[in-house]
PDB file of N, CA and C in Angstrom:
ATOM      1  N   MET A   1      -3.065 -48.157 -22.531  1.00  0.00           N
ATOM      2  CA  MET A   1      -3.654 -47.589 -21.349  1.00  0.00           C
ATOM      3  C   MET A   1      -4.767 -48.539 -20.898  1.00  0.00           C
ATOM      4  N   SER A   2      -4.808 -48.779 -19.618  1.00  0.00           N
ATOM      5  CA  SER A   2      -5.789 -49.724 -19.089  1.00  0.00           C
ATOM      6  C   SER A   2      -7.167 -49.073 -18.995  1.00  0.00           C
ATOM      7  N   ALA A   3      -8.169 -49.899 -18.848  1.00  0.00           N
ATOM      8  CA  ALA A   3      -9.550 -49.425 -18.744  1.00  0.00           C
ATOM      9  C   ALA A   3      -9.728 -48.576 -17.494  1.00  0.00           C
ATOM     10  N   ARG A   4      -9.038 -48.988 -16.434  1.00  0.00           N
ATOM     11  CA  ARG A   4      -9.133 -48.236 -15.179  1.00  0.00           C
ATOM     12  C   ARG A   4      -8.528 -46.837 -15.346  1.00  0.00           C
ATOM     13  N   ALA A   5      -7.422 -46.719 -16.052  1.00  0.00           N
ATOM     14  CA  ALA A   5      -6.776 -45.432 -16.297  1.00  0.00           C
ATOM     15  C   ALA A   5      -7.662 -44.558 -17.184  1.00  0.00           C
ATOM     16  N   LYS A   6      -8.301 -45.174 -18.196  1.00  0.00           N
ATOM     17  CA  LYS A   6      -9.201 -44.428 -19.075  1.00  0.00           C
ATOM     18  C   LYS A   6     -10.409 -43.910 -18.302  1.00  0.00           C
ATOM     19  N   ALA A   7     -10.935 -44.726 -17.403  1.00  0.00           N
ATOM     20  CA  ALA A   7     -12.087 -44.320 -16.594  1.00  0.00           C
ATOM     21  C   ALA A   7     -11.694 -43.167 -15.663  1.00  0.00           C
ATOM     22  N   THR A   8     -10.514 -43.245 -15.080  1.00  0.00           N
ATOM     23  CA  THR A   8     -10.039 -42.182 -14.193  1.00  0.00           C
ATOM     24  C   THR A   8      -9.839 -40.890 -14.980  1.00  0.00           C
ATOM     25  N   LEU A   9      -9.241 -40.998 -16.171  1.00  0.00           N
ATOM     26  CA  LEU A   9      -9.041 -39.828 -17.023  1.00  0.00           C
ATOM     27  C   LEU A   9     -10.379 -39.204 -17.414  1.00  0.00           C
ATOM     28  N   ALA A  10     -11.330 -40.028 -17.811  1.00  0.00           N
ATOM     29  CA  ALA A  10     -12.650 -39.535 -18.203  1.00  0.00           C
ATOM     30  C   ALA A  10     -13.363 -38.875 -17.011  1.00  0.00           C
ATOM     31  N   ALA A  11     -13.262 -39.484 -15.843  1.00  0.00           N
ATOM     32  CA  ALA A  11     -13.904 -38.928 -14.650  1.00  0.00           C
ATOM     33  C   ALA A  11     -13.259 -37.587 -14.275  1.00  0.00           C
ATOM     34  N   SER A  12     -11.942 -37.508 -14.335  1.00  0.00           N
ATOM     35  CA  SER A  12     -11.277 -36.249 -13.982  1.00  0.00           C
ATOM     36  C   SER A  12     -11.594 -35.172 -15.015  1.00  0.00           C
ATOM     37  N   PHE A  13     -11.700 -35.564 -16.288  1.00  0.00           N
ATOM     38  CA  PHE A  13     -12.080 -34.604 -17.331  1.00  0.00           C
ATOM     39  C   PHE A  13     -13.502 -34.092 -17.081  1.00  0.00           C
ATOM     40  N   ALA A  14     -14.423 -34.994 -16.785  1.00  0.00           N
ATOM     41  CA  ALA A  14     -15.809 -34.607 -16.517  1.00  0.00           C
ATOM     42  C   ALA A  14     -15.894 -33.713 -15.279  1.00  0.00           C
ATOM     43  N   PHE A  15     -15.179 -34.079 -14.241  1.00  0.00           N
ATOM     44  CA  PHE A  15     -15.186 -33.294 -13.009  1.00  0.00           C
ATOM     45  C   PHE A  15     -14.624 -31.895 -13.255  1.00  0.00           C
ATOM     46  N   SER A  16     -13.510 -31.813 -13.984  1.00  0.00           N
ATOM     47  CA  SER A  16     -12.901 -30.513 -14.302  1.00  0.00           C
ATOM     48  C   SER A  16     -13.838 -29.658 -15.143  1.00  0.00           C
ATOM     49  N   THR A  17     -14.484 -30.266 -16.109  1.00  0.00           N
ATOM     50  CA  THR A  17     -15.441 -29.542 -16.949  1.00  0.00           C
ATOM     51  C   THR A  17     -16.597 -29.009 -16.108  1.00  0.00           C
ATOM     52  N   PHE A  18     -17.090 -29.825 -15.198  1.00  0.00           N
ATOM     53  CA  PHE A  18     -18.178 -29.390 -14.322  1.00  0.00           C
ATOM     54  C   PHE A  18     -17.746 -28.225 -13.441  1.00  0.00           C
ATOM     55  N   ILE A  19     -16.550 -28.296 -12.883  1.00  0.00           N
ATOM     56  CA  ILE A  19     -16.039 -27.229 -12.018  1.00  0.00           C
ATOM     57  C   ILE A  19     -15.923 -25.922 -12.801  1.00  0.00           C
ATOM     58  N   ILE A  20     -15.376 -25.986 -14.008  1.00  0.00           N
ATOM     59  CA  ILE A  20     -15.230 -24.787 -14.834  1.00  0.00           C
ATOM     60  C   ILE A  20     -16.600 -24.197 -15.149  1.00  0.00           C
ATOM     61  N   TRP A  21     -17.556 -25.038 -15.524  1.00  0.00           N
ATOM     62  CA  TRP A  21     -18.913 -24.566 -15.804  1.00  0.00           C
ATOM     63  C   TRP A  21     -19.537 -23.924 -14.560  1.00  0.00           C
ATOM     64  N   ALA A  22     -19.354 -24.559 -13.412  1.00  0.00           N
ATOM     65  CA  ALA A  22     -19.946 -24.050 -12.172  1.00  0.00           C
ATOM     66  C   ALA A  22     -19.369 -22.676 -11.811  1.00  0.00           C
ATOM     67  N   VAL A  23     -18.072 -22.501 -11.992  1.00  0.00           N
ATOM     68  CA  VAL A  23     -17.443 -21.209 -11.682  1.00  0.00           C
ATOM     69  C   VAL A  23     -17.976 -20.127 -12.618  1.00  0.00           C
ATOM     70  N   HIS A  24     -18.078 -20.414 -13.900  1.00  0.00           N
ATOM     71  CA  HIS A  24     -18.606 -19.433 -14.852  1.00  0.00           C
ATOM     72  C   HIS A  24     -20.064 -19.111 -14.548  1.00  0.00           C
ATOM     73  N   TYR A  25     -20.834 -20.104 -14.198  1.00  0.00           N
ATOM     74  CA  TYR A  25     -22.241 -19.887 -13.846  1.00  0.00           C
ATOM     75  C   TYR A  25     -22.342 -18.996 -12.611  1.00  0.00           C
ATOM     76  N   GLN A  26     -21.533 -19.277 -11.599  1.00  0.00           N
ATOM     77  CA  GLN A  26     -21.540 -18.483 -10.373  1.00  0.00           C
ATOM     78  C   GLN A  26     -21.142 -17.036 -10.663  1.00  0.00           C
ATOM     79  N   GLN A  27     -20.151 -16.841 -11.515  1.00  0.00           N
ATOM     80  CA  GLN A  27     -19.728 -15.483 -11.864  1.00  0.00           C
ATOM     81  C   GLN A  27     -20.842 -14.725 -12.578  1.00  0.00           C
ATOM     82  N   SER A  28     -21.529 -15.394 -13.487  1.00  0.00           N
ATOM     83  CA  SER A  28     -22.604 -14.709 -14.204  1.00  0.00           C
ATOM     84  C   SER A  28     -23.760 -14.369 -13.265  1.00  0.00           C
ATOM     85  N   ARG A  29     -24.061 -15.236 -12.306  1.00  0.00           N
ATOM     86  CA  ARG A  29     -25.116 -14.947 -11.322  1.00  0.00           C
ATOM     87  C   ARG A  29     -24.712 -13.771 -10.435  1.00  0.00           C
ATOM     88  N   GLU A  30     -23.466 -13.740  -9.986  1.00  0.00           N
ATOM     89  CA  GLU A  30     -22.995 -12.635  -9.162  1.00  0.00           C
ATOM     90  C   GLU A  30     -23.029 -11.319  -9.929  1.00  0.00           C
ATOM     91  N   ARG A  31     -22.657 -11.354 -11.193  1.00  0.00           N
ATOM     92  CA  ARG A  31     -22.688 -10.161 -12.033  1.00  0.00           C
ATOM     93  C   ARG A  31     -24.124  -9.645 -12.159  1.00  0.00           C
ATOM     94  N   GLU A  32     -25.066 -10.556 -12.364  1.00  0.00           N
ATOM     95  CA  GLU A  32     -26.480 -10.178 -12.474  1.00  0.00           C
ATOM     96  C   GLU A  32     -26.990  -9.612 -11.147  1.00  0.00           C
ATOM     97  N   ASP A  33     -26.611 -10.220 -10.039  1.00  0.00           N
ATOM     98  CA  ASP A  33     -27.018  -9.724  -8.720  1.00  0.00           C
ATOM     99  C   ASP A  33     -26.472  -8.322  -8.462  1.00  0.00           C
ATOM    100  N   MET A  34     -25.215  -8.090  -8.842  1.00  0.00           N
ATOM    101  CA  MET A  34     -24.625  -6.764  -8.654  1.00  0.00           C
ATOM    102  C   MET A  34     -25.354  -5.735  -9.515  1.00  0.00           C
ATOM    103  N   PHE A  35     -25.707  -6.118 -10.739  1.00  0.00           N
ATOM    104  CA  PHE A  35     -26.422  -5.198 -11.624  1.00  0.00           C
ATOM    105  C   PHE A  35     -27.793  -4.860 -11.051  1.00  0.00           C
ATOM    106  N   GLN A  36     -28.486  -5.842 -10.485  1.00  0.00           N
ATOM    107  CA  GLN A  36     -29.780  -5.582  -9.857  1.00  0.00           C
ATOM    108  C   GLN A  36     -29.618  -4.634  -8.672  1.00  0.00           C
ATOM    109  N   GLY A  37     -28.505  -4.744  -7.956  1.00  0.00           N
ATOM    110  CA  GLY A  37     -28.222  -3.826  -6.858  1.00  0.00           C
ATOM    111  C   GLY A  37     -28.080  -2.390  -7.346  1.00  0.00           C
ATOM    112  N   VAL A  38     -27.442  -2.203  -8.494  1.00  0.00           N
ATOM    113  CA  VAL A  38     -27.287  -0.870  -9.080  1.00  0.00           C
ATOM    114  C   VAL A  38     -28.659  -0.314  -9.450  1.00  0.00           C
ATOM    115  N   ILE A  39     -29.501  -1.149 -10.015  1.00  0.00           N
ATOM    116  CA  ILE A  39     -30.848  -0.709 -10.390  1.00  0.00           C
ATOM    117  C   ILE A  39     -31.641  -0.307  -9.145  1.00  0.00           C
ATOM    118  N   ARG A  40     -31.546  -1.099  -8.079  1.00  0.00           N
ATOM    119  CA  ARG A  40     -32.246  -0.752  -6.832  1.00  0.00           C
ATOM    120  C   ARG A  40     -31.704   0.553  -6.244  1.00  0.00           C
ATOM    121  N   ASP A  41     -30.380   0.743  -6.297  1.00  0.00           N
ATOM    122  CA  ASP A  41     -29.783   1.980  -5.791  1.00  0.00           C
ATOM    123  C   ASP A  41     -30.280   3.192  -6.580  1.00  0.00           C
ATOM    124  N   ASP A  42     -30.370   3.059  -7.896  1.00  0.00           N
ATOM    125  CA  ASP A  42     -30.871   4.159  -8.719  1.00  0.00           C
ATOM    126  C   ASP A  42     -32.322   4.480  -8.367  1.00  0.00           C
ATOM    127  N   ALA A  43     -33.132   3.452  -8.162  1.00  0.00           N
ATOM    128  CA  ALA A  43     -34.535   3.673  -7.805  1.00  0.00           C
ATOM    129  C   ALA A  43     -34.636   4.373  -6.448  1.00  0.00           C
ATOM    130  N   ARG A  44     -33.832   3.948  -5.483  1.00  0.00           N
ATOM    131  CA  ARG A  44     -33.836   4.604  -4.165  1.00  0.00           C
ATOM    132  C   ARG A  44     -33.383   6.059  -4.270  1.00  0.00           C
ATOM    133  N   ARG A  45     -32.365   6.304  -5.083  1.00  0.00           N
ATOM    134  CA  ARG A  45     -31.855   7.660  -5.252  1.00  0.00           C
ATOM    135  C   ARG A  45     -32.917   8.558  -5.895  1.00  0.00           C
ATOM    136  N   LEU A  46     -33.593   8.059  -6.905  1.00  0.00           N
ATOM    137  CA  LEU A  46     -34.640   8.847  -7.550  1.00  0.00           C
ATOM    138  C   LEU A  46     -35.799   9.124  -6.593  1.00  0.00           C
ATOM    139  N   GLU A  47     -36.172   8.138  -5.799  1.00  0.00           N
ATOM    140  CA  GLU A  47     -37.250   8.326  -4.825  1.00  0.00           C
ATOM    141  C   GLU A  47     -36.846   9.357  -3.773  1.00  0.00           C
ATOM    142  N   LYS A  48     -35.613   9.309  -3.334  1.00  0.00           N
ATOM    143  CA  LYS A  48     -35.124  10.276  -2.346  1.00  0.00           C
ATOM    144  C   LYS A  48     -35.131  11.685  -2.936  1.00  0.00           C
ATOM    145  N   MET A  49     -34.710  11.811  -4.191  1.00  0.00           N
ATOM    146  CA  MET A  49     -34.730  13.119  -4.844  1.00  0.00           C
ATOM    147  C   MET A  49     -36.167  13.633  -4.973  1.00  0.00           C
ATOM    148  N   ARG A  50     -37.094  12.752  -5.290  1.00  0.00           N
ATOM    149  CA  ARG A  50     -38.496  13.137  -5.420  1.00  0.00           C
ATOM    150  C   ARG A  50     -39.045  13.623  -4.082  1.00  0.00           C
ATOM    151  N   GLN A  51     -38.709  12.900  -3.010  1.00  0.00           N
ATOM    152  CA  GLN A  51     -39.165  13.295  -1.680  1.00  0.00           C
ATOM    153  C   GLN A  51     -38.580  14.646  -1.275  1.00  0.00           C
ATOM    154  N   ARG A  52     -37.308  14.858  -1.546  1.00  0.00           N
ATOM    155  CA  ARG A  52     -36.675  16.136  -1.205  1.00  0.00           C
ATOM    156  C   ARG A  52     -37.296  17.290  -1.994  1.00  0.00           C
ATOM    157  N   GLU A  53     -37.600  17.033  -3.261  1.00  0.00           N
ATOM    158  CA  GLU A  53     -38.227  18.064  -4.076  1.00  0.00           C
ATOM    159  C   GLU A  53     -39.617  18.406  -3.537  1.00  0.00           C
ATOM    160  N   GLU A  54     -40.359  17.393  -3.147  1.00  0.00           N
ATOM    161  CA  GLU A  54     -41.684  17.619  -2.567  1.00  0.00           C
ATOM    162  C   GLU A  54     -41.577  18.386  -1.247  1.00  0.00           C
ATOM    163  N   GLU A  55     -40.604  18.037  -0.414  1.00  0.00           N
ATOM    164  CA  GLU A  55     -40.393  18.763   0.835  1.00  0.00           C
ATOM    165  C   GLU A  55     -40.002  20.217   0.565  1.00  0.00           C
ATOM    166  N   PHE A  56     -39.195  20.444  -0.463  1.00  0.00           N
ATOM    167  CA  PHE A  56     -38.806  21.804  -0.821  1.00  0.00           C
ATOM    168  C   PHE A  56     -40.021  22.608  -1.264  1.00  0.00           C
ATOM    169  N   ARG A  57     -40.883  22.003  -2.083  1.00  0.00           N
ATOM    170  CA  ARG A  57     -42.099  22.683  -2.530  1.00  0.00           C
ATOM    171  C   ARG A  57     -43.003  23.021  -1.346  1.00  0.00           C
ATOM    172  N   ALA A  58     -43.159  22.066  -0.435  1.00  0.00           N
ATOM    173  CA  ALA A  58     -43.988  22.308   0.750  1.00  0.00           C
ATOM    174  C   ALA A  58     -43.388  23.438   1.580  1.00  0.00           C
ATOM    175  N   SER A  59     -42.095  23.444   1.737  1.00  0.00           N
ATOM    176  CA  SER A  59     -41.413  24.497   2.492  1.00  0.00           C
ATOM    177  C   SER A  59     -41.602  25.848   1.807  1.00  0.00           C
ATOM    178  N   SER A  60     -41.521  25.870   0.495  1.00  0.00           N
ATOM    179  CA  SER A  60     -41.715  27.123  -0.243  1.00  0.00           C
ATOM    180  C   SER A  60     -43.139  27.636  -0.072  1.00  0.00           C
ATOM    181  N   ARG A  61     -44.117  26.734  -0.123  1.00  0.00           N
ATOM    182  CA  ARG A  61     -45.512  27.138   0.078  1.00  0.00           C
ATOM    183  C   ARG A  61     -45.701  27.708   1.481  1.00  0.00           C
ATOM    184  N   LYS A  62     -45.132  27.044   2.478  1.00  0.00           N
ATOM    185  CA  LYS A  62     -45.241  27.547   3.853  1.00  0.00           C
ATOM    186  C   LYS A  62     -44.598  28.919   3.982  1.00  0.00           C
ATOM    187  N   ARG A  63     -43.452  29.091   3.355  1.00  0.00           N
ATOM    188  CA  ARG A  63     -42.762  30.380   3.435  1.00  0.00           C
ATOM    189  C   ARG A  63     -43.603  31.480   2.816  1.00  0.00           C
ATOM    190  N   GLU A  64     -44.224  31.190   1.668  1.00  0.00           N
ATOM    191  CA  GLU A  64     -45.083  32.187   1.028  1.00  0.00           C
ATOM    192  C   GLU A  64     -46.243  32.571   1.940  1.00  0.00           C
ATOM    193  N   ILE A  65     -46.843  31.577   2.573  1.00  0.00           N
ATOM    194  CA  ILE A  65     -47.959  31.842   3.485  1.00  0.00           C
ATOM    195  C   ILE A  65     -47.481  32.672   4.670  1.00  0.00           C
ATOM    196  N   TYR A  66     -46.352  32.313   5.255  1.00  0.00           N
ATOM    197  CA  TYR A  66     -45.813  33.048   6.400  1.00  0.00           C
ATOM    198  C   TYR A  66     -45.465  34.485   6.013  1.00  0.00           C
ATOM    199  N   GLU A  67     -44.921  34.668   4.822  1.00  0.00           N
ATOM    200  CA  GLU A  67     -44.554  36.019   4.379  1.00  0.00           C
ATOM    201  C   GLU A  67     -45.787  36.870   4.145  1.00  0.00           C
ATOM    202  N   GLN A  68     -46.898  36.261   3.762  1.00  0.00           N
ATOM    203  CA  GLN A  68     -48.134  37.015   3.582  1.00  0.00           C
ATOM    204  C   GLN A  68     -48.711  37.432   4.927  1.00  0.00           C
ATOM    205  N   VAL A  69     -48.558  36.556   5.927  1.00  0.00           N
ATOM    206  CA  VAL A  69     -49.149  36.810   7.238  1.00  0.00           C
ATOM    207  C   VAL A  69     -48.243  37.669   8.106  1.00  0.00           C
ATOM    208  N   GLN A  70     -46.954  37.447   8.045  1.00  0.00           N
ATOM    209  CA  GLN A  70     -46.004  38.126   8.912  1.00  0.00           C
ATOM    210  C   GLN A  70     -45.221  39.180   8.144  1.00  0.00           C
ATOM    211  N   THR A  71     -44.711  40.146   8.854  1.00  0.00           N
ATOM    212  CA  THR A  71     -43.863  41.168   8.264  1.00  0.00           C
ATOM    213  C   THR A  71     -42.431  40.647   8.245  1.00  0.00           C
ATOM    214  N   VAL A  72     -41.798  40.748   7.099  1.00  0.00           N
ATOM    215  CA  VAL A  72     -40.425  40.273   6.943  1.00  0.00           C
ATOM    216  C   VAL A  72     -39.520  41.487   6.857  1.00  0.00           C
ATOM    217  N   ILE A  73     -38.521  41.520   7.731  1.00  0.00           N
ATOM    218  CA  ILE A  73     -37.574  42.641   7.760  1.00  0.00           C
ATOM    219  C   ILE A  73     -36.239  42.143   7.229  1.00  0.00           C
ATOM    220  N   SER A  74     -35.680  42.823   6.259  1.00  0.00           N
ATOM    221  CA  SER A  74     -34.389  42.461   5.683  1.00  0.00           C
ATOM    222  C   SER A  74     -33.273  43.020   6.537  1.00  0.00           C
ATOM    223  N   ASP A  75     -32.160  42.330   6.573  1.00  0.00           N
ATOM    224  CA  ASP A  75     -30.998  42.774   7.321  1.00  0.00           C
ATOM    225  C   ASP A  75     -29.975  43.452   6.406  1.00  0.00           C
ATOM    226  N   ASP A  76     -30.425  44.087   5.333  1.00  0.00           N
ATOM    227  CA  ASP A  76     -29.493  44.703   4.370  1.00  0.00           C
ATOM    228  C   ASP A  76     -28.863  45.903   4.892  1.00  0.00           C
TER     229      ASP A  76
END
């Protein structure tokens, strides 16, 4: 095998190795990015639940105050 053929083989081997490494690196970065997205979604969901619970408590307090001030008639 000539020196030129050996150099071409070595270059193609190096290039192929680099491409394989780059693809695996990109996949691991994408996987990490997707996982961070899940964490952000969970944080947003928990914050939304907290806000809804606080709004429910405020609504309950208002209802108690209104029921003390106003007469409530049941439709039973």
